[in-house]
Amino acid sequence: MIKPKDEEIKFPADWNFRVVVDAANDKCLDNLCQVLRQNGFDAVPEPKEKSKTGKYQSFRIAVVFDNREIMERLSSELGAVDGVKFLL
């Protein structure tokens, strides 16, 4: 089986997160913004589609990373926010 070659990310890198959250968690969006600000980003999560049942809301967060360390730290912290179901 042939595996695709891993491509190296070149920094600075434009990055778009897709975050899916529990729509009933009123503090989740504020907490995502707080994590962004604590890490030096002015980005604001952009609302995208809701699930068919309205239980989940997705957001897009556009950021520019200077290095992999910051990228991994922010990914980890955003994913740990209460109400976040998954982060892509």
N, C-alpha and C. Protein backbone atom coordinates (compact mmCIF):
# COMPACT_ATOMS: atom_id res chain seq x y z
N MET A 1 0.85 -1.18 0.00
CA MET A 1 0.00 0.00 0.00
C MET A 1 0.90 1.24 0.00
N ILE A 2 0.58 2.19 -0.85
CA ILE A 2 1.35 3.42 -0.94
C ILE A 2 0.70 4.48 -0.06
N LYS A 3 1.47 5.08 0.82
CA LYS A 3 0.96 6.14 1.69
C LYS A 3 1.32 7.48 1.09
N PRO A 4 0.38 8.44 1.18
CA PRO A 4 0.72 9.77 0.67
C PRO A 4 1.84 10.39 1.50
N LYS A 5 2.68 11.13 0.82
CA LYS A 5 3.79 11.78 1.50
C LYS A 5 3.25 12.92 2.38
N ASP A 6 3.71 12.95 3.63
CA ASP A 6 3.32 14.04 4.52
C ASP A 6 3.93 15.34 4.02
N GLU A 7 3.09 16.35 3.88
CA GLU A 7 3.59 17.64 3.44
C GLU A 7 3.92 18.49 4.66
N GLU A 8 5.04 19.14 4.60
CA GLU A 8 5.48 20.02 5.68
C GLU A 8 4.72 21.34 5.57
N ILE A 9 4.26 21.84 6.70
CA ILE A 9 3.58 23.14 6.72
C ILE A 9 4.64 24.21 6.76
N LYS A 10 4.50 25.19 5.90
CA LYS A 10 5.45 26.31 5.86
C LYS A 10 4.87 27.48 6.63
N PHE A 11 5.66 28.01 7.54
CA PHE A 11 5.22 29.12 8.39
C PHE A 11 5.84 30.42 7.92
N PRO A 12 5.12 31.54 8.04
CA PRO A 12 3.79 31.68 8.64
C PRO A 12 2.75 30.97 7.77
N ALA A 13 1.71 30.44 8.43
CA ALA A 13 0.70 29.66 7.73
C ALA A 13 -0.70 30.18 8.05
N ASP A 14 -1.48 30.44 7.00
CA ASP A 14 -2.90 30.76 7.17
C ASP A 14 -3.60 29.46 7.53
N TRP A 15 -4.46 29.51 8.54
CA TRP A 15 -5.13 28.30 9.00
C TRP A 15 -6.58 28.59 9.30
N ASN A 16 -7.46 27.66 8.95
CA ASN A 16 -8.88 27.77 9.26
C ASN A 16 -9.30 26.57 10.10
N PHE A 17 -9.70 26.86 11.33
CA PHE A 17 -10.26 25.81 12.19
C PHE A 17 -11.75 25.71 11.90
N ARG A 18 -12.28 24.52 12.00
CA ARG A 18 -13.72 24.32 12.05
C ARG A 18 -14.00 23.74 13.42
N VAL A 19 -14.84 24.45 14.17
CA VAL A 19 -15.15 24.05 15.53
C VAL A 19 -16.64 23.75 15.61
N VAL A 20 -17.00 22.59 16.12
CA VAL A 20 -18.40 22.23 16.32
C VAL A 20 -18.64 22.20 17.83
N VAL A 21 -19.67 22.96 18.24
CA VAL A 21 -19.95 23.11 19.67
C VAL A 21 -21.38 22.71 19.97
N ASP A 22 -21.62 22.45 21.23
CA ASP A 22 -22.96 22.20 21.74
C ASP A 22 -23.70 23.54 21.74
N ALA A 23 -24.73 23.67 20.92
CA ALA A 23 -25.44 24.95 20.76
C ALA A 23 -26.11 25.41 22.05
N ALA A 24 -26.37 24.50 22.99
CA ALA A 24 -27.01 24.87 24.25
C ALA A 24 -26.03 25.48 25.25
N ASN A 25 -24.74 25.39 24.99
CA ASN A 25 -23.73 25.92 25.90
C ASN A 25 -23.51 27.41 25.59
N ASP A 26 -24.16 28.26 26.37
CA ASP A 26 -24.13 29.70 26.14
C ASP A 26 -22.75 30.32 26.30
N LYS A 27 -21.88 29.72 27.08
CA LYS A 27 -20.57 30.31 27.36
C LYS A 27 -19.48 29.84 26.41
N CYS A 28 -19.78 28.87 25.57
CA CYS A 28 -18.75 28.27 24.71
C CYS A 28 -18.12 29.30 23.77
N LEU A 29 -18.91 30.10 23.11
CA LEU A 29 -18.37 31.09 22.17
C LEU A 29 -17.49 32.10 22.90
N ASP A 30 -17.93 32.58 24.05
CA ASP A 30 -17.11 33.50 24.84
C ASP A 30 -15.80 32.86 25.26
N ASN A 31 -15.87 31.60 25.64
CA ASN A 31 -14.66 30.89 26.07
C ASN A 31 -13.69 30.66 24.90
N LEU A 32 -14.22 30.40 23.71
CA LEU A 32 -13.36 30.27 22.53
C LEU A 32 -12.64 31.60 22.26
N CYS A 33 -13.39 32.70 22.34
CA CYS A 33 -12.80 34.03 22.12
C CYS A 33 -11.73 34.33 23.18
N GLN A 34 -11.99 33.93 24.41
CA GLN A 34 -11.02 34.16 25.49
C GLN A 34 -9.72 33.40 25.23
N VAL A 35 -9.82 32.15 24.79
CA VAL A 35 -8.63 31.35 24.47
C VAL A 35 -7.85 32.01 23.33
N LEU A 36 -8.56 32.48 22.33
CA LEU A 36 -7.90 33.15 21.21
C LEU A 36 -7.14 34.39 21.70
N ARG A 37 -7.79 35.23 22.50
CA ARG A 37 -7.15 36.45 23.01
C ARG A 37 -5.95 36.13 23.90
N GLN A 38 -6.09 35.12 24.76
CA GLN A 38 -4.99 34.74 25.65
C GLN A 38 -3.76 34.28 24.87
N ASN A 39 -3.98 33.82 23.65
CA ASN A 39 -2.88 33.35 22.82
C ASN A 39 -2.44 34.39 21.79
N GLY A 40 -2.96 35.62 21.93
CA GLY A 40 -2.52 36.71 21.08
C GLY A 40 -3.22 36.83 19.73
N PHE A 41 -4.38 36.21 19.58
CA PHE A 41 -5.12 36.26 18.32
C PHE A 41 -6.36 37.13 18.47
N ASP A 42 -6.62 37.97 17.47
CA ASP A 42 -7.80 38.82 17.45
C ASP A 42 -8.95 38.19 16.67
N ALA A 43 -8.79 36.98 16.21
CA ALA A 43 -9.81 36.31 15.40
C ALA A 43 -11.11 36.17 16.17
N VAL A 44 -12.20 36.24 15.43
CA VAL A 44 -13.53 36.04 16.00
C VAL A 44 -14.16 34.85 15.29
N PRO A 45 -14.65 33.85 16.05
CA PRO A 45 -15.28 32.70 15.41
C PRO A 45 -16.47 33.14 14.54
N GLU A 46 -16.46 32.71 13.28
CA GLU A 46 -17.52 33.05 12.33
C GLU A 46 -18.56 31.94 12.34
N PRO A 47 -19.82 32.26 12.68
CA PRO A 47 -20.85 31.22 12.71
C PRO A 47 -21.06 30.62 11.32
N LYS A 48 -21.20 29.34 11.30
CA LYS A 48 -21.51 28.61 10.07
C LYS A 48 -22.82 27.87 10.30
N GLU A 49 -22.98 26.71 9.70
CA GLU A 49 -24.25 26.01 9.76
C GLU A 49 -24.52 25.38 11.13
N LYS A 50 -25.82 25.24 11.42
CA LYS A 50 -26.28 24.48 12.59
C LYS A 50 -26.65 23.08 12.11
N SER A 51 -26.64 22.14 13.04
CA SER A 51 -27.07 20.80 12.68
C SER A 51 -28.57 20.81 12.39
N LYS A 52 -29.06 19.79 11.74
CA LYS A 52 -30.49 19.72 11.39
C LYS A 52 -31.38 19.82 12.61
N THR A 53 -30.93 19.26 13.72
CA THR A 53 -31.74 19.27 14.94
C THR A 53 -31.51 20.54 15.77
N GLY A 54 -30.49 21.33 15.39
CA GLY A 54 -30.18 22.55 16.15
C GLY A 54 -29.35 22.30 17.40
N LYS A 55 -28.93 21.06 17.59
CA LYS A 55 -28.17 20.70 18.79
C LYS A 55 -26.73 21.18 18.72
N TYR A 56 -26.19 21.29 17.52
CA TYR A 56 -24.79 21.69 17.33
C TYR A 56 -24.68 22.90 16.43
N GLN A 57 -23.68 23.72 16.70
CA GLN A 57 -23.38 24.90 15.89
C GLN A 57 -21.92 24.81 15.48
N SER A 58 -21.62 25.12 14.22
CA SER A 58 -20.22 25.12 13.81
C SER A 58 -19.75 26.55 13.58
N PHE A 59 -18.46 26.75 13.76
CA PHE A 59 -17.80 28.04 13.58
C PHE A 59 -16.53 27.83 12.78
N ARG A 60 -16.13 28.87 12.05
CA ARG A 60 -14.84 28.89 11.38
C ARG A 60 -13.99 29.93 12.08
N ILE A 61 -12.75 29.57 12.37
CA ILE A 61 -11.80 30.50 12.99
C ILE A 61 -10.59 30.58 12.09
N ALA A 62 -10.34 31.77 11.55
CA ALA A 62 -9.20 31.99 10.65
C ALA A 62 -8.07 32.67 11.41
N VAL A 63 -6.90 32.05 11.40
CA VAL A 63 -5.73 32.59 12.09
C VAL A 63 -4.48 32.42 11.22
N VAL A 64 -3.42 33.10 11.59
CA VAL A 64 -2.12 32.93 10.94
C VAL A 64 -1.14 32.51 12.02
N PHE A 65 -0.50 31.36 11.81
CA PHE A 65 0.46 30.85 12.78
C PHE A 65 1.88 31.17 12.34
N ASP A 66 2.71 31.57 13.31
CA ASP A 66 4.12 31.82 13.04
C ASP A 66 4.97 30.56 13.14
N ASN A 67 4.49 29.59 13.96
CA ASN A 67 5.26 28.36 14.12
C ASN A 67 4.37 27.23 14.61
N ARG A 68 4.89 26.02 14.54
CA ARG A 68 4.14 24.82 14.91
C ARG A 68 3.78 24.79 16.39
N GLU A 69 4.66 25.28 17.25
CA GLU A 69 4.40 25.26 18.69
C GLU A 69 3.12 26.02 19.03
N ILE A 70 2.98 27.21 18.47
CA ILE A 70 1.78 28.01 18.72
C ILE A 70 0.55 27.30 18.14
N MET A 71 0.70 26.72 16.97
CA MET A 71 -0.40 26.00 16.32
C MET A 71 -0.90 24.85 17.20
N GLU A 72 0.01 24.06 17.71
CA GLU A 72 -0.36 22.91 18.53
C GLU A 72 -0.96 23.35 19.86
N ARG A 73 -0.41 24.40 20.46
CA ARG A 73 -0.94 24.89 21.73
C ARG A 73 -2.37 25.41 21.57
N LEU A 74 -2.59 26.23 20.55
CA LEU A 74 -3.93 26.78 20.34
C LEU A 74 -4.92 25.67 20.01
N SER A 75 -4.52 24.72 19.18
CA SER A 75 -5.39 23.59 18.85
C SER A 75 -5.81 22.85 20.11
N SER A 76 -4.87 22.59 20.96
CA SER A 76 -5.14 21.87 22.20
C SER A 76 -6.08 22.66 23.11
N GLU A 77 -5.82 23.95 23.26
CA GLU A 77 -6.62 24.78 24.16
C GLU A 77 -8.04 24.99 23.62
N LEU A 78 -8.19 25.20 22.32
CA LEU A 78 -9.53 25.35 21.74
C LEU A 78 -10.32 24.05 21.89
N GLY A 79 -9.68 22.92 21.65
CA GLY A 79 -10.35 21.63 21.77
C GLY A 79 -10.77 21.29 23.18
N ALA A 80 -10.12 21.90 24.18
CA ALA A 80 -10.44 21.63 25.58
C ALA A 80 -11.54 22.53 26.13
N VAL A 81 -12.01 23.49 25.37
CA VAL A 81 -13.07 24.40 25.83
C VAL A 81 -14.35 23.59 26.08
N ASP A 82 -14.98 23.83 27.22
CA ASP A 82 -16.22 23.14 27.57
C ASP A 82 -17.28 23.42 26.51
N GLY A 83 -17.87 22.38 25.96
CA GLY A 83 -18.90 22.50 24.93
C GLY A 83 -18.40 22.21 23.53
N VAL A 84 -17.08 22.18 23.34
CA VAL A 84 -16.53 21.86 22.01
C VAL A 84 -16.65 20.36 21.81
N LYS A 85 -17.31 19.99 20.72
CA LYS A 85 -17.49 18.56 20.40
C LYS A 85 -16.35 18.05 19.54
N PHE A 86 -15.91 18.84 18.56
CA PHE A 86 -14.70 18.50 17.83
C PHE A 86 -14.13 19.72 17.13
N LEU A 87 -12.85 19.60 16.81
CA LEU A 87 -12.09 20.68 16.21
C LEU A 87 -11.31 20.12 15.03
N LEU A 88 -11.48 20.72 13.88
CA LEU A 88 -10.76 20.29 12.68
C LEU A 88 -9.84 21.40 12.24
